[in-house]
Amino acid sequence: LERLENFADKKLYKNDTGLPNRVHFDRHLYLPLLEGDAKEPPVVKYSPPGLNKGEKDFLKKLRKFVTSPDGKRMLKKHNCELFLLRNRSRGHGIGFLPGDEGYYPDFILWLKSPDQQNIAFIEPHGLITGGDLKTNSKVQFYKTIKIYERKLNQQASRNDVFLSSFIISQTDYKTLKIQTGINNIDDFHAMNIYFPKGANYVLRILKKILGK
């Protein structure tokens, strides 16, 4: 037990080198964030389930940006603190879209400043749907969430909480462009859909939340 406690104190909660595979991000509200077991069946099961590839990529890129000089300048400019929480699943986490289509975005990003709070729900998610993204309720949640925002502020008698929703498409841009007929990447960005490859999507998302 003493060896285990020593390991946890020195490594498990301090970095992400060695086993178990994990991502260390000190802006997350709990540690450690363990990666999923890729073996089938998995040798180790975690609750909540370990991070998948898209979730891990988002965490690492967010960590890289907010600890970079540009990221620090952005947060300082807007006088805000950044926190992250991995959402839990149906029945335990924060969910939207009642009924069978219930939506539990993977991450809750909280940007807190003295005069306002920005809360963004972020979902690394595949978009191979074969349908119209303009009728996809999870995609269109970037609009629907504003209904929740108005209700929240009204019930709390405030006007300083802003909600937003983003999808980081695990379906690549080329494939999604063919499937949807949407040929301009700016049209995807207008629906708060971003892609892991190419331009820094974390920077784009934070700019959209906070303003330039």
C-alpha atoms as a PDB file:
ATOM      1  CA  LEU A   1       0.000   0.000   0.000  1.00  0.00           C
ATOM      2  CA  GLU A   2       2.833   2.386   0.848  1.00  0.00           C
ATOM      3  CA  ARG A   3       4.487   1.733  -2.541  1.00  0.00           C
ATOM      4  CA  LEU A   4       1.171   2.346  -4.318  1.00  0.00           C
ATOM      5  CA  GLU A   5       0.571   5.603  -2.432  1.00  0.00           C
ATOM      6  CA  ASN A   6       4.134   6.713  -3.201  1.00  0.00           C
ATOM      7  CA  PHE A   7       3.629   5.951  -6.907  1.00  0.00           C
ATOM      8  CA  ALA A   8       0.323   7.840  -6.991  1.00  0.00           C
ATOM      9  CA  ASP A   9       1.781  10.847  -5.213  1.00  0.00           C
ATOM     10  CA  LYS A  10       4.898  11.099  -7.387  1.00  0.00           C
ATOM     11  CA  LYS A  11       3.660   9.985 -10.796  1.00  0.00           C
ATOM     12  CA  LEU A  12       0.000   9.127 -11.247  1.00  0.00           C
ATOM     13  CA  TYR A  13      -1.273  12.612 -10.399  1.00  0.00           C
ATOM     14  CA  LYS A  14       1.794  14.505 -11.623  1.00  0.00           C
ATOM     15  CA  ASN A  15       2.504  13.400 -15.201  1.00  0.00           C
ATOM     16  CA  ASP A  16       1.496  10.946 -17.898  1.00  0.00           C
ATOM     17  CA  THR A  17       4.654   8.880 -18.321  1.00  0.00           C
ATOM     18  CA  GLY A  18       4.566   5.134 -17.749  1.00  0.00           C
ATOM     19  CA  LEU A  19       1.604   2.900 -16.951  1.00  0.00           C
ATOM     20  CA  PRO A  20      -1.328   3.089 -16.762  1.00  0.00           C
ATOM     21  CA  ASN A  21      -1.647   5.054 -20.015  1.00  0.00           C
ATOM     22  CA  ARG A  22      -3.182   8.399 -19.184  1.00  0.00           C
ATOM     23  CA  VAL A  23      -3.315  12.106 -20.010  1.00  0.00           C
ATOM     24  CA  HIS A  24      -2.228  14.567 -17.345  1.00  0.00           C
ATOM     25  CA  PHE A  25      -3.942  17.954 -17.597  1.00  0.00           C
ATOM     26  CA  ASP A  26      -3.967  19.985 -14.401  1.00  0.00           C
ATOM     27  CA  ARG A  27      -6.904  22.138 -15.575  1.00  0.00           C
ATOM     28  CA  HIS A  28      -9.128  19.084 -15.415  1.00  0.00           C
ATOM     29  CA  LEU A  29     -11.233  18.903 -12.269  1.00  0.00           C
ATOM     30  CA  TYR A  30     -10.057  15.400 -11.399  1.00  0.00           C
ATOM     31  CA  LEU A  31      -7.011  13.266 -12.125  1.00  0.00           C
ATOM     32  CA  PRO A  32      -5.904  10.939 -13.603  1.00  0.00           C
ATOM     33  CA  LEU A  33      -7.610  10.692 -16.999  1.00  0.00           C
ATOM     34  CA  LEU A  34      -6.981   7.126 -18.092  1.00  0.00           C
ATOM     35  CA  GLU A  35      -6.842   5.915 -21.668  1.00  0.00           C
ATOM     36  CA  GLY A  36      -9.101   3.092 -22.793  1.00  0.00           C
ATOM     37  CA  ASP A  37      -7.781  -0.425 -23.246  1.00  0.00           C
ATOM     38  CA  ALA A  38      -7.614  -1.069 -27.002  1.00  0.00           C
ATOM     39  CA  LYS A  39      -7.535  -4.858 -26.583  1.00  0.00           C
ATOM     40  CA  GLU A  40     -10.696  -6.847 -27.248  1.00  0.00           C
ATOM     41  CA  PRO A  41     -11.910  -7.886 -24.797  1.00  0.00           C
ATOM     42  CA  PRO A  42     -10.216  -5.231 -22.666  1.00  0.00           C
ATOM     43  CA  VAL A  43      -7.765  -6.464 -20.041  1.00  0.00           C
ATOM     44  CA  VAL A  44      -8.667  -3.578 -17.738  1.00  0.00           C
ATOM     45  CA  LYS A  45     -12.074  -1.923 -17.475  1.00  0.00           C
ATOM     46  CA  TYR A  46     -12.456   1.612 -16.182  1.00  0.00           C
ATOM     47  CA  SER A  47     -15.428   3.525 -14.838  1.00  0.00           C
ATOM     48  CA  PRO A  48     -15.983   5.946 -16.408  1.00  0.00           C
ATOM     49  CA  PRO A  49     -14.619   4.285 -19.575  1.00  0.00           C
ATOM     50  CA  GLY A  50     -11.078   5.179 -20.582  1.00  0.00           C
ATOM     51  CA  LEU A  51     -10.401   7.909 -23.112  1.00  0.00           C
ATOM     52  CA  ASN A  52     -10.810   7.015 -26.765  1.00  0.00           C
ATOM     53  CA  LYS A  53      -8.513   8.337 -29.512  1.00  0.00           C
ATOM     54  CA  GLY A  54     -10.585  11.453 -30.274  1.00  0.00           C
ATOM     55  CA  GLU A  55     -10.941  12.387 -26.605  1.00  0.00           C
ATOM     56  CA  LYS A  56      -7.224  11.910 -25.999  1.00  0.00           C
ATOM     57  CA  ASP A  57      -6.350  14.044 -29.028  1.00  0.00           C
ATOM     58  CA  PHE A  58      -8.617  16.862 -27.825  1.00  0.00           C
ATOM     59  CA  LEU A  59      -7.141  16.817 -24.323  1.00  0.00           C
ATOM     60  CA  LYS A  60      -3.562  16.883 -25.554  1.00  0.00           C
ATOM     61  CA  LYS A  61      -4.181  19.685 -28.030  1.00  0.00           C
ATOM     62  CA  LEU A  62      -6.087  21.746 -25.471  1.00  0.00           C
ATOM     63  CA  ARG A  63      -3.270  21.236 -22.969  1.00  0.00           C
ATOM     64  CA  LYS A  64      -0.641  22.183 -25.532  1.00  0.00           C
ATOM     65  CA  PHE A  65      -2.432  25.390 -26.478  1.00  0.00           C
ATOM     66  CA  VAL A  66      -3.365  26.700 -23.026  1.00  0.00           C
ATOM     67  CA  THR A  67       0.184  26.132 -21.753  1.00  0.00           C
ATOM     68  CA  SER A  68       1.719  27.847 -24.804  1.00  0.00           C
ATOM     69  CA  PRO A  69       2.612  31.580 -24.830  1.00  0.00           C
ATOM     70  CA  ASP A  70      -0.319  32.274 -27.219  1.00  0.00           C
ATOM     71  CA  GLY A  71      -2.749  30.408 -25.004  1.00  0.00           C
ATOM     72  CA  LYS A  72      -1.561  32.149 -21.849  1.00  0.00           C
ATOM     73  CA  ARG A  73      -1.853  35.535 -23.569  1.00  0.00           C
ATOM     74  CA  MET A  74      -5.412  34.751 -24.688  1.00  0.00           C
ATOM     75  CA  LEU A  75      -6.546  33.762 -21.199  1.00  0.00           C
ATOM     76  CA  LYS A  76      -4.816  36.799 -19.692  1.00  0.00           C
ATOM     77  CA  LYS A  77      -6.358  39.127 -22.279  1.00  0.00           C
ATOM     78  CA  HIS A  78      -9.844  37.921 -21.353  1.00  0.00           C
ATOM     79  CA  ASN A  79      -8.966  37.726 -17.655  1.00  0.00           C
ATOM     80  CA  CYS A  80     -10.354  34.214 -17.397  1.00  0.00           C
ATOM     81  CA  GLU A  81      -9.522  30.879 -15.850  1.00  0.00           C
ATOM     82  CA  LEU A  82      -9.979  27.652 -17.789  1.00  0.00           C
ATOM     83  CA  PHE A  83     -11.311  24.417 -16.302  1.00  0.00           C
ATOM     84  CA  LEU A  84     -12.348  21.172 -17.941  1.00  0.00           C
ATOM     85  CA  LEU A  85     -14.553  18.299 -16.843  1.00  0.00           C
ATOM     86  CA  ARG A  86     -15.117  15.019 -18.609  1.00  0.00           C
ATOM     87  CA  ASN A  87     -18.861  14.472 -18.683  1.00  0.00           C
ATOM     88  CA  ARG A  88     -20.385  11.226 -17.486  1.00  0.00           C
ATOM     89  CA  SER A  89     -22.739   9.024 -19.471  1.00  0.00           C
ATOM     90  CA  ARG A  90     -26.522   8.777 -19.608  1.00  0.00           C
ATOM     91  CA  GLY A  91     -28.122   8.743 -16.179  1.00  0.00           C
ATOM     92  CA  HIS A  92     -25.083  10.226 -14.463  1.00  0.00           C
ATOM     93  CA  GLY A  93     -23.786  13.177 -16.464  1.00  0.00           C
ATOM     94  CA  ILE A  94     -25.219  16.408 -17.832  1.00  0.00           C
ATOM     95  CA  GLY A  95     -27.533  15.550 -20.714  1.00  0.00           C
ATOM     96  CA  PHE A  96     -29.670  17.340 -23.256  1.00  0.00           C
ATOM     97  CA  LEU A  97     -32.239  16.426 -25.932  1.00  0.00           C
ATOM     98  CA  PRO A  98     -34.691  14.424 -23.807  1.00  0.00           C
ATOM     99  CA  GLY A  99     -35.881  10.993 -24.904  1.00  0.00           C
ATOM    100  CA  ASP A 100     -34.065   8.270 -26.791  1.00  0.00           C
ATOM    101  CA  GLU A 101     -31.801  10.751 -28.555  1.00  0.00           C
ATOM    102  CA  GLY A 102     -30.375  12.036 -25.257  1.00  0.00           C
ATOM    103  CA  TYR A 103     -27.100  13.871 -25.796  1.00  0.00           C
ATOM    104  CA  TYR A 104     -24.253  13.744 -23.269  1.00  0.00           C
ATOM    105  CA  PRO A 105     -21.302  15.682 -24.746  1.00  0.00           C
ATOM    106  CA  ASP A 106     -17.931  14.264 -23.721  1.00  0.00           C
ATOM    107  CA  PHE A 107     -16.395  17.398 -22.210  1.00  0.00           C
ATOM    108  CA  ILE A 108     -17.545  20.513 -20.388  1.00  0.00           C
ATOM    109  CA  LEU A 109     -15.180  23.457 -20.847  1.00  0.00           C
ATOM    110  CA  TRP A 110     -15.610  26.292 -18.335  1.00  0.00           C
ATOM    111  CA  LEU A 111     -14.064  29.711 -18.944  1.00  0.00           C
ATOM    112  CA  LYS A 112     -14.610  31.879 -15.873  1.00  0.00           C
ATOM    113  CA  SER A 113     -13.943  35.607 -15.724  1.00  0.00           C
ATOM    114  CA  PRO A 114     -15.100  38.263 -13.231  1.00  0.00           C
ATOM    115  CA  ASP A 115     -17.960  39.502 -15.415  1.00  0.00           C
ATOM    116  CA  GLN A 116     -19.129  36.371 -17.257  1.00  0.00           C
ATOM    117  CA  GLN A 117     -18.962  32.603 -17.525  1.00  0.00           C
ATOM    118  CA  ASN A 118     -18.651  30.684 -20.787  1.00  0.00           C
ATOM    119  CA  ILE A 119     -19.565  27.009 -20.658  1.00  0.00           C
ATOM    120  CA  ALA A 120     -18.904  24.981 -23.801  1.00  0.00           C
ATOM    121  CA  PHE A 121     -19.940  21.370 -24.372  1.00  0.00           C
ATOM    122  CA  ILE A 122     -17.455  19.617 -26.639  1.00  0.00           C
ATOM    123  CA  GLU A 123     -17.909  16.257 -28.350  1.00  0.00           C
ATOM    124  CA  PRO A 124     -15.211  14.450 -30.367  1.00  0.00           C
ATOM    125  CA  HIS A 125     -17.573  12.428 -32.529  1.00  0.00           C
ATOM    126  CA  GLY A 126     -17.788  10.594 -35.827  1.00  0.00           C
ATOM    127  CA  LEU A 127     -20.214  12.120 -38.311  1.00  0.00           C
ATOM    128  CA  ILE A 128     -20.735   9.288 -40.804  1.00  0.00           C
ATOM    129  CA  THR A 129     -24.494   9.665 -40.770  1.00  0.00           C
ATOM    130  CA  GLY A 130     -25.533   9.524 -44.407  1.00  0.00           C
ATOM    131  CA  GLY A 131     -28.021  12.255 -43.566  1.00  0.00           C
ATOM    132  CA  ASP A 132     -28.362  15.990 -43.628  1.00  0.00           C
ATOM    133  CA  LEU A 133     -26.289  17.690 -40.940  1.00  0.00           C
ATOM    134  CA  LYS A 134     -28.836  20.495 -40.929  1.00  0.00           C
ATOM    135  CA  THR A 135     -31.403  18.084 -39.494  1.00  0.00           C
ATOM    136  CA  ASN A 136     -29.020  16.225 -37.198  1.00  0.00           C
ATOM    137  CA  SER A 137     -30.109  17.158 -33.660  1.00  0.00           C
ATOM    138  CA  LYS A 138     -26.622  16.744 -32.168  1.00  0.00           C
ATOM    139  CA  VAL A 139     -25.055  18.915 -34.850  1.00  0.00           C
ATOM    140  CA  GLN A 140     -27.803  21.519 -34.603  1.00  0.00           C
ATOM    141  CA  PHE A 141     -27.414  21.592 -30.837  1.00  0.00           C
ATOM    142  CA  TYR A 142     -25.141  24.612 -31.353  1.00  0.00           C
ATOM    143  CA  LYS A 143     -28.439  26.472 -31.930  1.00  0.00           C
ATOM    144  CA  THR A 144     -30.644  24.544 -29.499  1.00  0.00           C
ATOM    145  CA  ILE A 145     -28.272  25.187 -26.610  1.00  0.00           C
ATOM    146  CA  LYS A 146     -29.183  28.871 -26.727  1.00  0.00           C
ATOM    147  CA  ILE A 147     -32.678  27.901 -25.499  1.00  0.00           C
ATOM    148  CA  TYR A 148     -31.046  26.319 -22.448  1.00  0.00           C
ATOM    149  CA  GLU A 149     -28.903  29.431 -22.047  1.00  0.00           C
ATOM    150  CA  ARG A 150     -31.937  31.730 -21.918  1.00  0.00           C
ATOM    151  CA  LYS A 151     -33.760  29.469 -19.460  1.00  0.00           C
ATOM    152  CA  LEU A 152     -30.713  29.193 -17.214  1.00  0.00           C
ATOM    153  CA  ASN A 153     -30.183  32.936 -17.024  1.00  0.00           C
ATOM    154  CA  GLN A 154     -33.889  33.615 -16.479  1.00  0.00           C
ATOM    155  CA  GLN A 155     -34.175  31.083 -13.664  1.00  0.00           C
ATOM    156  CA  ALA A 156     -31.009  32.362 -11.983  1.00  0.00           C
ATOM    157  CA  SER A 157     -31.941  36.040 -12.521  1.00  0.00           C
ATOM    158  CA  ARG A 158     -28.679  36.747 -14.316  1.00  0.00           C
ATOM    159  CA  ASN A 159     -27.436  37.461 -17.831  1.00  0.00           C
ATOM    160  CA  ASP A 160     -23.755  36.568 -17.657  1.00  0.00           C
ATOM    161  CA  VAL A 161     -23.738  32.839 -18.454  1.00  0.00           C
ATOM    162  CA  PHE A 162     -23.124  31.863 -22.077  1.00  0.00           C
ATOM    163  CA  LEU A 163     -23.506  28.310 -23.378  1.00  0.00           C
ATOM    164  CA  SER A 164     -22.108  26.851 -26.592  1.00  0.00           C
ATOM    165  CA  SER A 165     -21.643  23.465 -28.218  1.00  0.00           C
ATOM    166  CA  PHE A 166     -18.950  22.102 -30.532  1.00  0.00           C
ATOM    167  CA  ILE A 167     -18.305  18.861 -32.388  1.00  0.00           C
ATOM    168  CA  ILE A 168     -14.789  17.755 -33.296  1.00  0.00           C
ATOM    169  CA  SER A 169     -15.475  15.515 -36.252  1.00  0.00           C
ATOM    170  CA  GLN A 170     -13.661  12.193 -36.194  1.00  0.00           C
ATOM    171  CA  THR A 171     -14.873  11.764 -39.774  1.00  0.00           C
ATOM    172  CA  ASP A 172     -12.289  13.493 -41.940  1.00  0.00           C
ATOM    173  CA  TYR A 173     -13.143  16.622 -43.899  1.00  0.00           C
ATOM    174  CA  LYS A 174     -12.812  15.004 -47.330  1.00  0.00           C
ATOM    175  CA  THR A 175     -15.194  12.135 -46.480  1.00  0.00           C
ATOM    176  CA  LEU A 176     -17.738  14.394 -44.811  1.00  0.00           C
ATOM    177  CA  LYS A 177     -17.623  16.839 -47.701  1.00  0.00           C
ATOM    178  CA  ILE A 178     -18.519  14.055 -50.145  1.00  0.00           C
ATOM    179  CA  GLN A 179     -21.268  12.678 -47.913  1.00  0.00           C
ATOM    180  CA  THR A 180     -22.943  15.993 -47.176  1.00  0.00           C
ATOM    181  CA  GLY A 181     -22.286  18.001 -50.326  1.00  0.00           C
ATOM    182  CA  ILE A 182     -20.913  20.822 -48.149  1.00  0.00           C
ATOM    183  CA  ASN A 183     -17.834  21.999 -50.009  1.00  0.00           C
ATOM    184  CA  ASN A 184     -16.696  24.931 -47.898  1.00  0.00           C
ATOM    185  CA  ILE A 185     -15.006  24.277 -44.571  1.00  0.00           C
ATOM    186  CA  ASP A 186     -16.328  27.610 -43.296  1.00  0.00           C
ATOM    187  CA  ASP A 187     -19.840  26.138 -43.574  1.00  0.00           C
ATOM    188  CA  PHE A 188     -18.815  23.372 -41.172  1.00  0.00           C
ATOM    189  CA  HIS A 189     -17.266  25.935 -38.835  1.00  0.00           C
ATOM    190  CA  ALA A 190     -20.517  27.922 -38.940  1.00  0.00           C
ATOM    191  CA  MET A 191     -22.213  24.846 -37.429  1.00  0.00           C
ATOM    192  CA  ASN A 192     -19.422  24.603 -34.827  1.00  0.00           C
ATOM    193  CA  ILE A 193     -17.951  21.493 -36.468  1.00  0.00           C
ATOM    194  CA  TYR A 194     -14.154  21.375 -36.480  1.00  0.00           C
ATOM    195  CA  PHE A 195     -11.613  18.815 -37.687  1.00  0.00           C
ATOM    196  CA  PRO A 196      -8.551  17.495 -35.813  1.00  0.00           C
ATOM    197  CA  LYS A 197      -6.202  17.857 -38.781  1.00  0.00           C
ATOM    198  CA  GLY A 198      -5.097  21.098 -40.329  1.00  0.00           C
ATOM    199  CA  ALA A 199      -5.518  24.453 -38.614  1.00  0.00           C
ATOM    200  CA  ASN A 200      -5.438  24.652 -34.815  1.00  0.00           C
ATOM    201  CA  TYR A 201      -9.044  23.851 -33.981  1.00  0.00           C
ATOM    202  CA  VAL A 202      -8.547  24.531 -30.247  1.00  0.00           C
ATOM    203  CA  LEU A 203      -7.519  28.108 -31.049  1.00  0.00           C
ATOM    204  CA  ARG A 204     -10.519  28.508 -33.355  1.00  0.00           C
ATOM    205  CA  ILE A 205     -12.933  27.184 -30.736  1.00  0.00           C
ATOM    206  CA  LEU A 206     -11.566  29.404 -27.957  1.00  0.00           C
ATOM    207  CA  LYS A 207     -11.681  32.435 -30.242  1.00  0.00           C
ATOM    208  CA  LYS A 208     -15.301  31.670 -31.041  1.00  0.00           C
ATOM    209  CA  ILE A 209     -16.157  31.344 -27.358  1.00  0.00           C
ATOM    210  CA  LEU A 210     -14.231  34.355 -26.081  1.00  0.00           C
ATOM    211  CA  GLY A 211     -14.072  36.563 -29.148  1.00  0.00           C
ATOM    212  CA  LYS A 212     -10.836  37.656 -30.735  1.00  0.00           C
END
